[in-house]
Amino acid sequence: MAIQNILYRKRAFTLVELMITCIIIGVLVSIALPFFMTARLRAEETKAMATLYAYANAQKAFWFDAQGTATDPNTYTSQMTDLMPFVAVLSASGNDDGNWLYFINAADTATFEIEALHQGAPVVSLVLHENGVVDRLPAGGWPY
C-alpha cells in the first residue's frame, strides 16, 4: 500500500516556489529592459546619423552643382526639396522617416546645419554641421 501511495501521489509546485520564480523573472526583466531601451535608441540614432550624412553629401553636391559666379558664389540650400535629386533617402512624402524629422536649420555660401529631431520619447535631436561635427541636444537629455 505504501508503494502505491508513493507512485500515485500528485506532484505540484508550492506557492513559495511560484513566488520565488516570479521574483526572479521580475528582477531579470528590470535589469534587461533599460538595456533594451538604450540599445533601441542607439540603433535609431545610428540610422539618423546615416541619413544626416546623406543629406550633408547632398548639400555638398548641390553646392558644386549650383553654378556660382565671382560676384554670386555657390551656396548651400535651405530647402530640403532642393536636395531630392542628390539623395535617395529623401522620400516623396518629405523629410520624415517615422522616428526622426529632418530639416535644415541654416545654410549660406560657406556653412550649413542639418537637424534630426526625434519624434518619440525622449525628445532629443542631432545637429550636423558642415565640418562633420555632430551636436546632441539637449546636452543632458540623452539617456547614455
Protein backbone atom coordinates (compact mmCIF):
# COMPACT_ATOMS: atom_id res chain seq x y z
CA MET A 1 0.00 0.00 0.00
CA ALA A 2 2.83 2.42 0.78
CA ILE A 3 4.36 1.88 -2.64
CA GLN A 4 1.05 2.65 -4.37
CA ASN A 5 0.71 5.93 -2.42
CA ILE A 6 4.17 6.99 -3.50
CA LEU A 7 3.51 6.15 -7.16
CA TYR A 8 0.12 7.87 -7.35
CA ARG A 9 0.92 10.96 -5.28
CA LYS A 10 0.46 14.13 -7.33
CA ARG A 11 3.47 16.39 -7.77
CA ALA A 12 2.88 20.16 -7.86
CA PHE A 13 4.67 23.43 -7.24
CA THR A 14 4.15 25.08 -3.91
CA LEU A 15 3.09 28.70 -3.59
CA VAL A 16 6.52 29.67 -2.29
CA GLU A 17 8.25 28.13 -5.33
CA LEU A 18 5.93 30.04 -7.68
CA MET A 19 6.53 33.32 -5.83
CA ILE A 20 10.31 32.88 -5.95
CA THR A 21 10.12 32.15 -9.70
CA CYS A 22 8.05 35.31 -10.27
CA ILE A 23 10.52 37.40 -8.25
CA ILE A 24 13.49 36.05 -10.23
CA ILE A 25 11.74 36.79 -13.55
CA GLY A 26 10.84 40.30 -12.34
CA VAL A 27 14.45 41.05 -11.35
CA LEU A 28 15.75 39.81 -14.71
CA VAL A 29 13.22 41.93 -16.62
CA SER A 30 14.00 45.03 -14.54
CA ILE A 31 17.70 44.61 -15.38
CA ALA A 32 17.25 43.83 -19.08
CA LEU A 33 14.57 46.39 -20.01
CA PRO A 34 16.71 49.57 -19.61
CA PHE A 35 19.49 47.98 -21.68
CA PHE A 36 16.98 47.11 -24.40
CA MET A 37 15.53 50.63 -24.50
CA THR A 38 19.01 52.19 -24.69
CA ALA A 39 20.03 49.80 -27.46
CA ARG A 40 16.88 50.67 -29.40
CA LEU A 41 17.59 54.42 -29.16
CA ARG A 42 21.22 53.87 -30.19
CA ALA A 43 20.06 51.94 -33.25
CA GLU A 44 17.65 54.76 -34.14
CA GLU A 45 20.46 57.28 -33.62
CA THR A 46 22.75 55.33 -35.95
CA LYS A 47 20.05 55.37 -38.62
CA ALA A 48 19.55 59.12 -38.15
CA MET A 49 23.31 59.74 -38.38
CA ALA A 50 23.48 57.84 -41.67
CA THR A 51 20.61 59.94 -43.01
CA LEU A 52 22.22 63.17 -41.80
CA TYR A 53 25.47 62.29 -43.57
CA ALA A 54 23.50 61.51 -46.75
CA TYR A 55 21.93 64.97 -46.51
CA ALA A 56 25.35 66.51 -45.91
CA ASN A 57 26.71 64.83 -49.04
CA ALA A 58 23.64 66.07 -50.93
CA GLN A 59 24.30 69.61 -49.68
CA LYS A 60 27.87 69.39 -50.99
CA ALA A 61 26.65 68.05 -54.33
CA PHE A 62 24.12 70.90 -54.50
CA TRP A 63 26.88 73.41 -53.75
CA PHE A 64 29.05 72.09 -56.59
CA ASP A 65 26.08 71.93 -58.94
CA ALA A 66 24.93 75.48 -58.16
CA GLN A 67 26.87 77.26 -60.96
CA GLY A 68 28.06 80.25 -58.98
CA THR A 69 29.89 83.30 -60.36
CA ALA A 70 32.60 85.53 -58.94
CA THR A 71 30.04 88.02 -57.67
CA ASP A 72 27.45 85.38 -56.71
CA PRO A 73 29.35 82.35 -55.35
CA ASN A 74 27.98 78.86 -54.93
CA THR A 75 25.68 78.47 -51.94
CA TYR A 76 24.13 75.70 -49.88
CA THR A 77 20.37 75.30 -49.99
CA SER A 78 17.94 75.90 -47.14
CA GLN A 79 15.17 73.82 -48.79
CA MET A 80 15.04 70.04 -48.34
CA THR A 81 13.28 69.64 -51.68
CA ASP A 82 16.35 71.05 -53.47
CA LEU A 83 18.28 68.01 -52.22
CA MET A 84 15.88 65.47 -53.72
CA PRO A 85 17.96 64.81 -56.90
CA PHE A 86 21.06 64.18 -54.80
CA VAL A 87 19.86 61.91 -52.00
CA ALA A 88 17.95 58.64 -52.20
CA VAL A 89 16.72 58.69 -48.57
CA LEU A 90 14.54 61.75 -49.15
CA SER A 91 11.10 60.35 -49.84
CA ALA A 92 8.32 61.99 -51.77
CA SER A 93 6.44 62.47 -48.50
CA GLY A 94 9.12 64.84 -47.26
CA ASN A 95 11.70 64.81 -44.53
CA ASP A 96 10.09 62.37 -42.07
CA ASP A 97 11.17 58.73 -41.72
CA GLY A 98 8.78 57.80 -38.91
CA ASN A 99 11.14 58.23 -35.96
CA TRP A 100 13.07 61.34 -36.97
CA LEU A 101 12.13 64.64 -38.58
CA TYR A 102 14.92 66.19 -40.69
CA PHE A 103 15.24 69.86 -41.59
CA ILE A 104 17.89 72.43 -42.50
CA ASN A 105 18.48 74.98 -39.74
CA ALA A 106 20.79 77.32 -41.62
CA ALA A 107 22.52 77.47 -44.97
CA ASP A 108 24.62 80.11 -46.71
CA THR A 109 27.63 80.23 -49.01
CA ALA A 110 30.03 78.62 -46.53
CA THR A 111 28.07 76.70 -43.91
CA PHE A 112 25.03 74.55 -43.36
CA GLU A 113 23.38 72.91 -40.38
CA ILE A 114 21.02 69.92 -40.68
CA GLU A 115 18.98 68.73 -37.70
CA ALA A 116 17.28 65.43 -36.94
CA LEU A 117 14.57 65.73 -34.29
CA HIS A 118 13.46 62.52 -32.56
CA GLN A 119 9.68 62.35 -32.62
CA GLY A 120 9.20 59.91 -29.75
CA ALA A 121 10.35 59.86 -26.18
CA PRO A 122 12.90 61.11 -25.24
CA VAL A 123 12.69 64.34 -27.23
CA VAL A 124 16.27 64.78 -28.42
CA SER A 125 17.91 65.99 -31.59
CA LEU A 126 21.12 65.62 -33.57
CA VAL A 127 22.64 68.60 -35.39
CA LEU A 128 25.22 68.01 -38.13
CA HIS A 129 27.41 70.94 -39.16
CA GLU A 130 29.21 71.30 -42.50
CA ASN A 131 32.53 70.31 -40.91
CA GLY A 132 31.16 66.95 -39.76
CA VAL A 133 30.69 67.88 -36.09
CA VAL A 134 27.55 66.45 -34.53
CA ASP A 135 25.84 68.04 -31.52
CA ARG A 136 23.41 66.11 -29.34
CA LEU A 137 20.74 68.43 -27.99
CA PRO A 138 19.84 68.90 -25.22
CA ALA A 139 23.26 68.06 -23.88
CA GLY A 140 21.97 66.22 -20.78
CA GLY A 141 18.87 64.83 -22.41
CA TRP A 142 20.42 61.72 -23.93
CA PRO A 143 19.95 58.55 -21.87
CA TYR A 144 23.54 57.39 -22.46
